[in-house]
Amino acid sequence: QVQLVESGGGLVQPGGSLRLSCATSGSIFSIYAMGWNRQAPGKQREMVAVITSSGTTGHADSVQGRFTISRDNAKNTVYLQMNSLKPEDTAVYYCTARSRTSSTYDYWGQGTQVTVSS
């Protein structure tokens, strides 16, 4: 089992920045990739960033150049640095994990609210 706990969300003005953190515990060595998903009212859930065990990253077009996913293996933590935030970035952000034996992201954290508003 893998447990994920997000933190760092909050209220920020347009153009501002936030850094989300995802603390991992449990069978973390079984994780192949991790990502950040977001869910906003009236919108489909969107995977905004992923990072594999080898360090390869990918970002959705909607956040490319503004968001950066990274990890600190010593701290068992994955981060999402969010810069130049826009109102449309408002959503609940979830940390997700994919095991080495699965083709889907089966583990989800509780989520942290990010609100971008003036």
C-alpha atoms as a PDB file:
ATOM      1  CA  GLN A   1       0.000   0.000   0.000  1.00  0.00           C
ATOM      2  CA  VAL A   2       1.024   3.570  -0.703  1.00  0.00           C
ATOM      3  CA  GLN A   3      -0.207   6.581   1.204  1.00  0.00           C
ATOM      4  CA  LEU A   4      -0.101  10.092  -0.225  1.00  0.00           C
ATOM      5  CA  VAL A   5      -0.680  13.329   1.666  1.00  0.00           C
ATOM      6  CA  GLU A   6      -0.810  16.675  -0.123  1.00  0.00           C
ATOM      7  CA  SER A   7      -0.130  20.065   1.386  1.00  0.00           C
ATOM      8  CA  GLY A   8       0.615  23.603   0.281  1.00  0.00           C
ATOM      9  CA  GLY A   9      -2.663  24.666  -1.233  1.00  0.00           C
ATOM     10  CA  GLY A  10      -4.316  27.951  -0.485  1.00  0.00           C
ATOM     11  CA  LEU A  11      -5.536  31.249  -1.852  1.00  0.00           C
ATOM     12  CA  VAL A  12      -3.254  33.186  -4.168  1.00  0.00           C
ATOM     13  CA  GLN A  13      -3.681  36.143  -6.498  1.00  0.00           C
ATOM     14  CA  PRO A  14      -3.320  35.780 -10.267  1.00  0.00           C
ATOM     15  CA  GLY A  15       0.326  35.792 -11.228  1.00  0.00           C
ATOM     16  CA  GLY A  16       1.362  34.415  -7.882  1.00  0.00           C
ATOM     17  CA  SER A  17       3.056  31.162  -6.985  1.00  0.00           C
ATOM     18  CA  LEU A  18       2.476  28.145  -4.800  1.00  0.00           C
ATOM     19  CA  ARG A  19       4.406  24.975  -4.153  1.00  0.00           C
ATOM     20  CA  LEU A  20       2.457  21.830  -3.458  1.00  0.00           C
ATOM     21  CA  SER A  21       4.035  18.941  -1.610  1.00  0.00           C
ATOM     22  CA  CYS A  22       3.126  15.271  -1.610  1.00  0.00           C
ATOM     23  CA  ALA A  23       4.515  13.167   1.193  1.00  0.00           C
ATOM     24  CA  THR A  24       4.657   9.461   0.409  1.00  0.00           C
ATOM     25  CA  SER A  25       4.732   6.509   2.758  1.00  0.00           C
ATOM     26  CA  GLY A  26       4.181   2.776   2.678  1.00  0.00           C
ATOM     27  CA  SER A  27       5.488   0.656  -0.183  1.00  0.00           C
ATOM     28  CA  ILE A  28       7.100   3.586  -1.933  1.00  0.00           C
ATOM     29  CA  PHE A  29       9.620   1.408  -3.742  1.00  0.00           C
ATOM     30  CA  SER A  30       6.768  -0.089  -5.742  1.00  0.00           C
ATOM     31  CA  ILE A  31       6.018   3.282  -7.329  1.00  0.00           C
ATOM     32  CA  TYR A  32       6.860   3.651 -11.000  1.00  0.00           C
ATOM     33  CA  ALA A  33       5.521   7.136 -11.556  1.00  0.00           C
ATOM     34  CA  MET A  34       3.815   9.929  -9.705  1.00  0.00           C
ATOM     35  CA  GLY A  35       1.718  12.777 -10.888  1.00  0.00           C
ATOM     36  CA  TRP A  36      -0.492  15.670 -10.050  1.00  0.00           C
ATOM     37  CA  ASN A  37      -4.123  15.714 -11.106  1.00  0.00           C
ATOM     38  CA  ARG A  38      -6.588  18.513 -10.681  1.00  0.00           C
ATOM     39  CA  GLN A  39     -10.347  18.623 -10.542  1.00  0.00           C
ATOM     40  CA  ALA A  40     -12.296  21.832 -10.977  1.00  0.00           C
ATOM     41  CA  PRO A  41     -16.084  22.247 -10.917  1.00  0.00           C
ATOM     42  CA  GLY A  42     -17.521  21.900 -14.396  1.00  0.00           C
ATOM     43  CA  LYS A  43     -14.290  20.567 -15.842  1.00  0.00           C
ATOM     44  CA  GLN A  44     -12.900  17.119 -16.506  1.00  0.00           C
ATOM     45  CA  ARG A  45     -10.157  15.823 -14.299  1.00  0.00           C
ATOM     46  CA  GLU A  46      -6.780  16.685 -15.775  1.00  0.00           C
ATOM     47  CA  MET A  47      -3.348  15.185 -15.244  1.00  0.00           C
ATOM     48  CA  VAL A  48      -1.147  18.256 -15.151  1.00  0.00           C
ATOM     49  CA  ALA A  49       2.269  16.725 -14.491  1.00  0.00           C
ATOM     50  CA  VAL A  50       3.993  13.365 -14.110  1.00  0.00           C
ATOM     51  CA  ILE A  51       7.415  12.157 -13.070  1.00  0.00           C
ATOM     52  CA  THR A  52       8.802   8.636 -13.427  1.00  0.00           C
ATOM     53  CA  SER A  53      11.183   6.754 -11.189  1.00  0.00           C
ATOM     54  CA  SER A  54      13.974   7.591 -13.633  1.00  0.00           C
ATOM     55  CA  GLY A  55      13.258  11.298 -13.383  1.00  0.00           C
ATOM     56  CA  THR A  56      11.528  11.803 -16.714  1.00  0.00           C
ATOM     57  CA  THR A  57       8.865  14.496 -16.484  1.00  0.00           C
ATOM     58  CA  GLY A  58       5.899  15.575 -18.495  1.00  0.00           C
ATOM     59  CA  HIS A  59       3.517  18.487 -18.198  1.00  0.00           C
ATOM     60  CA  ALA A  60       0.133  19.205 -19.695  1.00  0.00           C
ATOM     61  CA  ASP A  61      -0.038  21.896 -22.346  1.00  0.00           C
ATOM     62  CA  SER A  62      -2.271  23.931 -20.077  1.00  0.00           C
ATOM     63  CA  VAL A  63       0.518  24.313 -17.510  1.00  0.00           C
ATOM     64  CA  GLN A  64       3.627  23.983 -19.671  1.00  0.00           C
ATOM     65  CA  GLY A  65       6.188  26.586 -18.766  1.00  0.00           C
ATOM     66  CA  ARG A  66       4.384  27.519 -15.569  1.00  0.00           C
ATOM     67  CA  PHE A  67       4.287  24.340 -13.485  1.00  0.00           C
ATOM     68  CA  THR A  68       7.219  22.091 -12.667  1.00  0.00           C
ATOM     69  CA  ILE A  69       7.064  18.676 -11.045  1.00  0.00           C
ATOM     70  CA  SER A  70      10.057  17.456  -9.067  1.00  0.00           C
ATOM     71  CA  ARG A  71      10.950  15.053  -6.299  1.00  0.00           C
ATOM     72  CA  ASP A  72      13.237  14.707  -3.339  1.00  0.00           C
ATOM     73  CA  ASN A  73      13.917  11.025  -2.780  1.00  0.00           C
ATOM     74  CA  ALA A  74      15.612  11.645   0.551  1.00  0.00           C
ATOM     75  CA  LYS A  75      12.404  13.200   1.847  1.00  0.00           C
ATOM     76  CA  ASN A  76      10.057  10.825  -0.001  1.00  0.00           C
ATOM     77  CA  THR A  77       8.319  13.894  -1.324  1.00  0.00           C
ATOM     78  CA  VAL A  78       7.090  15.066  -4.711  1.00  0.00           C
ATOM     79  CA  TYR A  79       6.535  18.730  -5.428  1.00  0.00           C
ATOM     80  CA  LEU A  80       4.569  20.806  -7.864  1.00  0.00           C
ATOM     81  CA  GLN A  81       5.925  24.309  -8.255  1.00  0.00           C
ATOM     82  CA  MET A  82       3.191  26.504  -9.695  1.00  0.00           C
ATOM     83  CA  ASN A  83       4.124  29.904 -11.077  1.00  0.00           C
ATOM     84  CA  SER A  84       2.193  32.545 -12.993  1.00  0.00           C
ATOM     85  CA  LEU A  85      -1.031  31.168 -11.629  1.00  0.00           C
ATOM     86  CA  LYS A  86      -4.259  31.919 -13.442  1.00  0.00           C
ATOM     87  CA  PRO A  87      -7.856  31.838 -12.211  1.00  0.00           C
ATOM     88  CA  GLU A  88      -8.439  28.798 -14.420  1.00  0.00           C
ATOM     89  CA  ASP A  89      -5.871  26.922 -12.333  1.00  0.00           C
ATOM     90  CA  THR A  90      -8.340  26.917  -9.456  1.00  0.00           C
ATOM     91  CA  ALA A  91      -9.024  23.305  -8.545  1.00  0.00           C
ATOM     92  CA  VAL A  92      -8.482  20.582  -6.028  1.00  0.00           C
ATOM     93  CA  TYR A  93      -5.047  19.153  -6.703  1.00  0.00           C
ATOM     94  CA  TYR A  94      -4.428  15.472  -6.057  1.00  0.00           C
ATOM     95  CA  CYS A  95      -1.161  13.647  -5.767  1.00  0.00           C
ATOM     96  CA  THR A  96      -1.279  10.303  -7.575  1.00  0.00           C
ATOM     97  CA  ALA A  97       0.974   7.274  -7.852  1.00  0.00           C
ATOM     98  CA  ARG A  98       1.317   4.381 -10.282  1.00  0.00           C
ATOM     99  CA  SER A  99       2.846   1.096  -9.209  1.00  0.00           C
ATOM    100  CA  ARG A 100       5.335  -0.834 -11.305  1.00  0.00           C
ATOM    101  CA  THR A 101       2.756  -3.551 -11.936  1.00  0.00           C
ATOM    102  CA  SER A 102      -0.114  -1.290 -12.974  1.00  0.00           C
ATOM    103  CA  SER A 103      -0.910   0.738 -16.063  1.00  0.00           C
ATOM    104  CA  THR A 104      -3.033   3.228 -14.144  1.00  0.00           C
ATOM    105  CA  TYR A 105      -2.585   5.693 -11.316  1.00  0.00           C
ATOM    106  CA  ASP A 106      -4.273   3.754  -8.536  1.00  0.00           C
ATOM    107  CA  TYR A 107      -3.196   5.717  -5.492  1.00  0.00           C
ATOM    108  CA  TRP A 108      -4.631   9.122  -4.692  1.00  0.00           C
ATOM    109  CA  GLY A 109      -4.165  11.572  -1.881  1.00  0.00           C
ATOM    110  CA  GLN A 110      -6.917  13.491  -0.169  1.00  0.00           C
ATOM    111  CA  GLY A 111      -6.353  16.588  -2.275  1.00  0.00           C
ATOM    112  CA  THR A 112      -5.504  20.188  -1.513  1.00  0.00           C
ATOM    113  CA  GLN A 113      -7.492  23.203  -2.655  1.00  0.00           C
ATOM    114  CA  VAL A 114      -5.827  25.832  -4.807  1.00  0.00           C
ATOM    115  CA  THR A 115      -7.796  29.008  -5.395  1.00  0.00           C
ATOM    116  CA  VAL A 116      -6.498  31.725  -7.700  1.00  0.00           C
ATOM    117  CA  SER A 117      -8.517  34.891  -7.340  1.00  0.00           C
ATOM    118  CA  SER A 118      -8.049  38.620  -7.125  1.00  0.00           C
END
